[in-house]
Amino acid sequence: MNCEIREEGGVSVVALSGDVDLESSPTVRTALLDCVGKQQAVVVDLSGVSYIDSSGVASLVEAYQNARKSETSFALADVSQAAMRVLELARLDKVFTIHDSLVDGLKNAG
C-alpha cells in the first residue's frame, strides 16, 4: 500500500494505492485524520486501490465522521472498481460524496 499526501489549491489530496487492509489501515487512518484535523477540504483518490477490506473502509468512515463534526469537506474521487464494489456492498456509496475524477473532486471541494 502506498499513501501519498499533497496539497492542491488548499485541498488535501490523499492518494491511496495497492491493498488497503488490516496491515496498512492504521497508516491510512492516521493520514486521513491528520488531514481532516487541519480543517481544510480533503479528497481521497482511490484510483490505485486494488483491494480494500473492512478495516480500510472503517478508516474512511472515521475520517468522514470527524470531517462532518468539524464541518470540513470530505470526498472520495476516481474510486477503483475493486473499492467501489466494497463501498456498494456496504451501501456507503450513498453516504460518501464520490466524484468520478480527482479533477471533479478538486473543483467541488469546499
N, C-alpha and C. Protein backbone atom coordinates (compact mmCIF):
# COMPACT_ATOMS: atom_id res chain seq x y z
N MET A 1 0.84 -1.17 0.00
CA MET A 1 0.00 0.00 0.00
C MET A 1 0.89 1.24 0.00
N ASN A 2 0.45 2.22 -0.75
CA ASN A 2 1.14 3.50 -0.79
C ASN A 2 0.14 4.59 -0.45
N CYS A 3 0.58 5.54 0.38
CA CYS A 3 -0.27 6.64 0.80
C CYS A 3 0.50 7.94 0.56
N GLU A 4 0.05 8.69 -0.42
CA GLU A 4 0.72 9.95 -0.77
C GLU A 4 -0.21 11.11 -0.41
N ILE A 5 0.33 12.08 0.32
CA ILE A 5 -0.46 13.25 0.71
C ILE A 5 0.16 14.48 0.06
N ARG A 6 -0.69 15.27 -0.57
CA ARG A 6 -0.22 16.52 -1.17
C ARG A 6 -1.33 17.55 -1.06
N GLU A 7 -0.97 18.80 -1.26
CA GLU A 7 -1.96 19.86 -1.21
C GLU A 7 -2.11 20.45 -2.60
N GLU A 8 -3.35 20.62 -3.02
CA GLU A 8 -3.64 21.24 -4.32
C GLU A 8 -4.71 22.31 -4.11
N GLY A 9 -4.30 23.55 -4.25
CA GLY A 9 -5.25 24.66 -4.14
C GLY A 9 -6.00 24.71 -2.82
N GLY A 10 -5.31 24.45 -1.72
CA GLY A 10 -5.95 24.49 -0.41
C GLY A 10 -6.73 23.24 -0.05
N VAL A 11 -6.60 22.20 -0.86
CA VAL A 11 -7.29 20.93 -0.61
C VAL A 11 -6.23 19.86 -0.34
N SER A 12 -6.43 19.10 0.72
CA SER A 12 -5.55 17.96 0.99
C SER A 12 -5.99 16.79 0.12
N VAL A 13 -5.06 16.29 -0.69
CA VAL A 13 -5.33 15.12 -1.53
C VAL A 13 -4.58 13.94 -0.92
N VAL A 14 -5.33 12.89 -0.58
CA VAL A 14 -4.73 11.67 -0.06
C VAL A 14 -4.91 10.61 -1.13
N ALA A 15 -3.81 10.24 -1.78
CA ALA A 15 -3.86 9.25 -2.86
C ALA A 15 -3.43 7.90 -2.31
N LEU A 16 -4.35 6.94 -2.36
CA LEU A 16 -4.08 5.59 -1.87
C LEU A 16 -3.94 4.65 -3.05
N SER A 17 -3.02 3.70 -2.92
CA SER A 17 -2.87 2.69 -3.97
C SER A 17 -2.46 1.37 -3.34
N GLY A 18 -2.74 0.30 -4.06
CA GLY A 18 -2.42 -1.04 -3.56
C GLY A 18 -3.53 -1.58 -2.68
N ASP A 19 -3.16 -2.42 -1.71
CA ASP A 19 -4.11 -3.06 -0.81
C ASP A 19 -4.27 -2.23 0.46
N VAL A 20 -5.50 -1.82 0.74
CA VAL A 20 -5.79 -1.11 2.00
C VAL A 20 -6.45 -2.15 2.90
N ASP A 21 -5.64 -2.74 3.78
CA ASP A 21 -6.11 -3.86 4.59
C ASP A 21 -5.72 -3.66 6.05
N LEU A 22 -5.88 -4.69 6.83
CA LEU A 22 -5.62 -4.63 8.28
C LEU A 22 -4.20 -4.15 8.57
N GLU A 23 -3.25 -4.55 7.75
CA GLU A 23 -1.86 -4.16 7.96
C GLU A 23 -1.63 -2.68 7.67
N SER A 24 -2.25 -2.17 6.61
CA SER A 24 -1.99 -0.80 6.18
C SER A 24 -2.99 0.23 6.69
N SER A 25 -4.14 -0.23 7.17
CA SER A 25 -5.19 0.73 7.55
C SER A 25 -4.79 1.68 8.68
N PRO A 26 -3.94 1.29 9.64
CA PRO A 26 -3.53 2.28 10.65
C PRO A 26 -2.80 3.48 10.03
N THR A 27 -2.00 3.24 9.02
CA THR A 27 -1.31 4.32 8.31
C THR A 27 -2.32 5.21 7.60
N VAL A 28 -3.29 4.59 6.94
CA VAL A 28 -4.34 5.32 6.23
C VAL A 28 -5.15 6.15 7.22
N ARG A 29 -5.52 5.54 8.32
CA ARG A 29 -6.32 6.21 9.35
C ARG A 29 -5.59 7.47 9.84
N THR A 30 -4.32 7.32 10.20
CA THR A 30 -3.54 8.44 10.71
C THR A 30 -3.45 9.55 9.67
N ALA A 31 -3.17 9.19 8.42
CA ALA A 31 -3.05 10.19 7.35
C ALA A 31 -4.36 10.95 7.16
N LEU A 32 -5.46 10.22 7.11
CA LEU A 32 -6.77 10.85 6.90
C LEU A 32 -7.15 11.75 8.07
N LEU A 33 -6.97 11.26 9.29
CA LEU A 33 -7.34 12.06 10.46
C LEU A 33 -6.46 13.30 10.60
N ASP A 34 -5.18 13.17 10.25
CA ASP A 34 -4.29 14.35 10.27
C ASP A 34 -4.77 15.41 9.28
N CYS A 35 -5.16 14.97 8.09
CA CYS A 35 -5.64 15.91 7.07
C CYS A 35 -6.95 16.57 7.49
N VAL A 36 -7.87 15.77 8.02
CA VAL A 36 -9.14 16.31 8.48
C VAL A 36 -8.90 17.28 9.64
N GLY A 37 -7.92 16.98 10.48
CA GLY A 37 -7.60 17.83 11.62
C GLY A 37 -7.13 19.22 11.23
N LYS A 38 -6.64 19.38 10.02
CA LYS A 38 -6.21 20.70 9.52
C LYS A 38 -7.41 21.57 9.16
N GLN A 39 -8.57 20.97 9.18
CA GLN A 39 -9.84 21.64 8.85
C GLN A 39 -9.80 22.33 7.49
N GLN A 40 -9.22 21.62 6.52
CA GLN A 40 -9.33 22.05 5.13
C GLN A 40 -9.89 20.87 4.35
N ALA A 41 -10.49 21.15 3.22
CA ALA A 41 -11.14 20.11 2.42
C ALA A 41 -10.19 18.94 2.14
N VAL A 42 -10.75 17.73 2.16
CA VAL A 42 -9.98 16.52 1.90
C VAL A 42 -10.64 15.76 0.75
N VAL A 43 -9.82 15.37 -0.23
CA VAL A 43 -10.28 14.49 -1.31
C VAL A 43 -9.38 13.26 -1.30
N VAL A 44 -9.99 12.09 -1.21
CA VAL A 44 -9.25 10.84 -1.18
C VAL A 44 -9.31 10.20 -2.56
N ASP A 45 -8.16 10.08 -3.20
CA ASP A 45 -8.04 9.49 -4.53
C ASP A 45 -7.88 7.98 -4.37
N LEU A 46 -8.88 7.23 -4.79
CA LEU A 46 -8.87 5.77 -4.65
C LEU A 46 -8.64 5.06 -5.98
N SER A 47 -8.13 5.77 -6.97
CA SER A 47 -7.96 5.18 -8.30
C SER A 47 -6.98 4.01 -8.32
N GLY A 48 -6.01 4.02 -7.42
CA GLY A 48 -4.99 2.97 -7.43
C GLY A 48 -5.23 1.85 -6.45
N VAL A 49 -6.38 1.85 -5.79
CA VAL A 49 -6.67 0.82 -4.78
C VAL A 49 -7.10 -0.47 -5.47
N SER A 50 -6.33 -1.54 -5.23
CA SER A 50 -6.66 -2.83 -5.84
C SER A 50 -7.51 -3.69 -4.91
N TYR A 51 -7.47 -3.37 -3.61
CA TYR A 51 -8.23 -4.15 -2.62
C TYR A 51 -8.43 -3.28 -1.39
N ILE A 52 -9.61 -3.33 -0.81
CA ILE A 52 -9.88 -2.64 0.45
C ILE A 52 -10.75 -3.55 1.30
N ASP A 53 -10.38 -3.74 2.57
CA ASP A 53 -11.18 -4.57 3.46
C ASP A 53 -11.91 -3.70 4.47
N SER A 54 -12.57 -4.33 5.41
CA SER A 54 -13.40 -3.60 6.36
C SER A 54 -12.60 -2.62 7.21
N SER A 55 -11.34 -2.94 7.51
CA SER A 55 -10.53 -2.01 8.30
C SER A 55 -10.20 -0.76 7.50
N GLY A 56 -9.98 -0.92 6.21
CA GLY A 56 -9.74 0.24 5.35
C GLY A 56 -10.98 1.09 5.22
N VAL A 57 -12.13 0.44 5.06
CA VAL A 57 -13.40 1.15 4.98
C VAL A 57 -13.67 1.88 6.30
N ALA A 58 -13.37 1.24 7.42
CA ALA A 58 -13.56 1.86 8.74
C ALA A 58 -12.72 3.13 8.87
N SER A 59 -11.52 3.13 8.32
CA SER A 59 -10.67 4.33 8.36
C SER A 59 -11.31 5.47 7.57
N LEU A 60 -11.88 5.15 6.41
CA LEU A 60 -12.57 6.16 5.61
C LEU A 60 -13.79 6.70 6.36
N VAL A 61 -14.56 5.81 6.97
CA VAL A 61 -15.77 6.22 7.69
C VAL A 61 -15.41 7.10 8.88
N GLU A 62 -14.38 6.73 9.63
CA GLU A 62 -13.98 7.53 10.79
C GLU A 62 -13.54 8.93 10.37
N ALA A 63 -12.77 9.01 9.30
CA ALA A 63 -12.34 10.32 8.80
C ALA A 63 -13.54 11.13 8.33
N TYR A 64 -14.46 10.49 7.64
CA TYR A 64 -15.68 11.16 7.18
C TYR A 64 -16.49 11.71 8.36
N GLN A 65 -16.64 10.90 9.41
CA GLN A 65 -17.39 11.34 10.59
C GLN A 65 -16.71 12.52 11.27
N ASN A 66 -15.40 12.47 11.40
CA ASN A 66 -14.65 13.58 12.00
C ASN A 66 -14.78 14.84 11.15
N ALA A 67 -14.73 14.67 9.84
CA ALA A 67 -14.88 15.82 8.94
C ALA A 67 -16.26 16.46 9.12
N ARG A 68 -17.28 15.66 9.22
CA ARG A 68 -18.64 16.19 9.40
C ARG A 68 -18.75 16.96 10.71
N LYS A 69 -18.16 16.42 11.77
CA LYS A 69 -18.21 17.08 13.08
C LYS A 69 -17.55 18.46 13.02
N SER A 70 -16.46 18.56 12.26
CA SER A 70 -15.74 19.83 12.18
C SER A 70 -16.16 20.66 10.95
N GLU A 71 -17.24 20.20 10.29
CA GLU A 71 -17.76 20.89 9.11
C GLU A 71 -16.69 21.09 8.03
N THR A 72 -15.92 20.03 7.82
CA THR A 72 -14.87 20.01 6.81
C THR A 72 -15.32 19.14 5.64
N SER A 73 -15.09 19.61 4.44
CA SER A 73 -15.45 18.85 3.24
C SER A 73 -14.59 17.59 3.13
N PHE A 74 -15.24 16.45 2.87
CA PHE A 74 -14.53 15.17 2.73
C PHE A 74 -15.19 14.41 1.60
N ALA A 75 -14.40 14.02 0.60
CA ALA A 75 -14.96 13.32 -0.56
C ALA A 75 -13.98 12.27 -1.06
N LEU A 76 -14.53 11.31 -1.79
CA LEU A 76 -13.73 10.29 -2.47
C LEU A 76 -13.74 10.63 -3.95
N ALA A 77 -12.66 10.27 -4.64
CA ALA A 77 -12.57 10.57 -6.07
C ALA A 77 -11.95 9.41 -6.84
N ASP A 78 -12.38 9.26 -8.08
CA ASP A 78 -11.82 8.28 -9.00
C ASP A 78 -11.67 6.90 -8.33
N VAL A 79 -12.77 6.43 -7.76
CA VAL A 79 -12.77 5.18 -6.99
C VAL A 79 -12.61 3.99 -7.93
N SER A 80 -11.61 3.14 -7.64
CA SER A 80 -11.37 1.96 -8.46
C SER A 80 -12.57 1.02 -8.39
N GLN A 81 -12.69 0.14 -9.37
CA GLN A 81 -13.81 -0.82 -9.38
C GLN A 81 -13.80 -1.70 -8.15
N ALA A 82 -12.60 -2.14 -7.74
CA ALA A 82 -12.49 -3.01 -6.56
C ALA A 82 -12.99 -2.30 -5.31
N ALA A 83 -12.60 -1.05 -5.13
CA ALA A 83 -13.04 -0.29 -3.95
C ALA A 83 -14.52 0.03 -4.04
N MET A 84 -15.00 0.36 -5.22
CA MET A 84 -16.41 0.72 -5.39
C MET A 84 -17.32 -0.47 -5.05
N ARG A 85 -16.90 -1.67 -5.45
CA ARG A 85 -17.70 -2.86 -5.13
C ARG A 85 -17.90 -3.00 -3.62
N VAL A 86 -16.84 -2.77 -2.87
CA VAL A 86 -16.92 -2.88 -1.41
C VAL A 86 -17.81 -1.77 -0.84
N LEU A 87 -17.64 -0.55 -1.34
CA LEU A 87 -18.47 0.56 -0.87
C LEU A 87 -19.95 0.32 -1.19
N GLU A 88 -20.22 -0.23 -2.36
CA GLU A 88 -21.61 -0.52 -2.75
C GLU A 88 -22.21 -1.62 -1.88
N LEU A 89 -21.42 -2.65 -1.60
CA LEU A 89 -21.92 -3.74 -0.75
C LEU A 89 -22.29 -3.23 0.64
N ALA A 90 -21.50 -2.30 1.14
CA ALA A 90 -21.76 -1.72 2.46
C ALA A 90 -22.75 -0.55 2.38
N ARG A 91 -23.19 -0.25 1.17
CA ARG A 91 -24.09 0.87 0.90
C ARG A 91 -23.49 2.22 1.27
N LEU A 92 -22.18 2.27 1.32
CA LEU A 92 -21.50 3.52 1.65
C LEU A 92 -21.37 4.43 0.44
N ASP A 93 -21.66 3.89 -0.74
CA ASP A 93 -21.65 4.74 -1.94
C ASP A 93 -22.76 5.78 -1.86
N LYS A 94 -23.74 5.56 -0.97
CA LYS A 94 -24.83 6.52 -0.75
C LYS A 94 -24.49 7.51 0.36
N VAL A 95 -23.45 7.21 1.14
CA VAL A 95 -23.05 8.05 2.28
C VAL A 95 -21.97 9.05 1.87
N PHE A 96 -20.91 8.53 1.26
CA PHE A 96 -19.79 9.38 0.85
C PHE A 96 -20.15 10.23 -0.37
N THR A 97 -19.57 11.41 -0.45
CA THR A 97 -19.59 12.16 -1.69
C THR A 97 -18.51 11.54 -2.56
N ILE A 98 -18.90 11.08 -3.75
CA ILE A 98 -17.96 10.40 -4.65
C ILE A 98 -17.94 11.12 -5.98
N HIS A 99 -16.73 11.51 -6.40
CA HIS A 99 -16.54 12.19 -7.68
C HIS A 99 -15.92 11.22 -8.68
N ASP A 100 -16.31 11.38 -9.95
CA ASP A 100 -15.81 10.49 -11.00
C ASP A 100 -14.30 10.64 -11.22
N SER A 101 -13.79 11.83 -10.97
CA SER A 101 -12.36 12.06 -11.19
C SER A 101 -11.81 12.97 -10.09
N LEU A 102 -10.50 12.95 -9.96
CA LEU A 102 -9.84 13.82 -8.99
C LEU A 102 -10.07 15.28 -9.34
N VAL A 103 -10.06 15.59 -10.63
CA VAL A 103 -10.31 16.96 -11.10
C VAL A 103 -11.67 17.44 -10.61
N ASP A 104 -12.70 16.60 -10.77
CA ASP A 104 -14.04 16.94 -10.29
C ASP A 104 -14.04 17.13 -8.77
N GLY A 105 -13.34 16.25 -8.08
CA GLY A 105 -13.26 16.33 -6.63
C GLY A 105 -12.64 17.63 -6.17
N LEU A 106 -11.59 18.05 -6.86
CA LEU A 106 -10.92 19.31 -6.50
C LEU A 106 -11.79 20.51 -6.82
N LYS A 107 -12.49 20.45 -7.95
CA LYS A 107 -13.38 21.56 -8.34
C LYS A 107 -14.50 21.76 -7.32
N ASN A 108 -15.01 20.66 -6.78
CA ASN A 108 -16.16 20.72 -5.89
C ASN A 108 -15.81 20.69 -4.41
N ALA A 109 -14.53 20.67 -4.09
CA ALA A 109 -14.11 20.64 -2.67
C ALA A 109 -14.44 21.97 -2.00
N GLY A 110 -14.83 21.84 -0.76
CA GLY A 110 -15.08 23.07 -0.01
C GLY A 110 -16.49 23.20 0.25
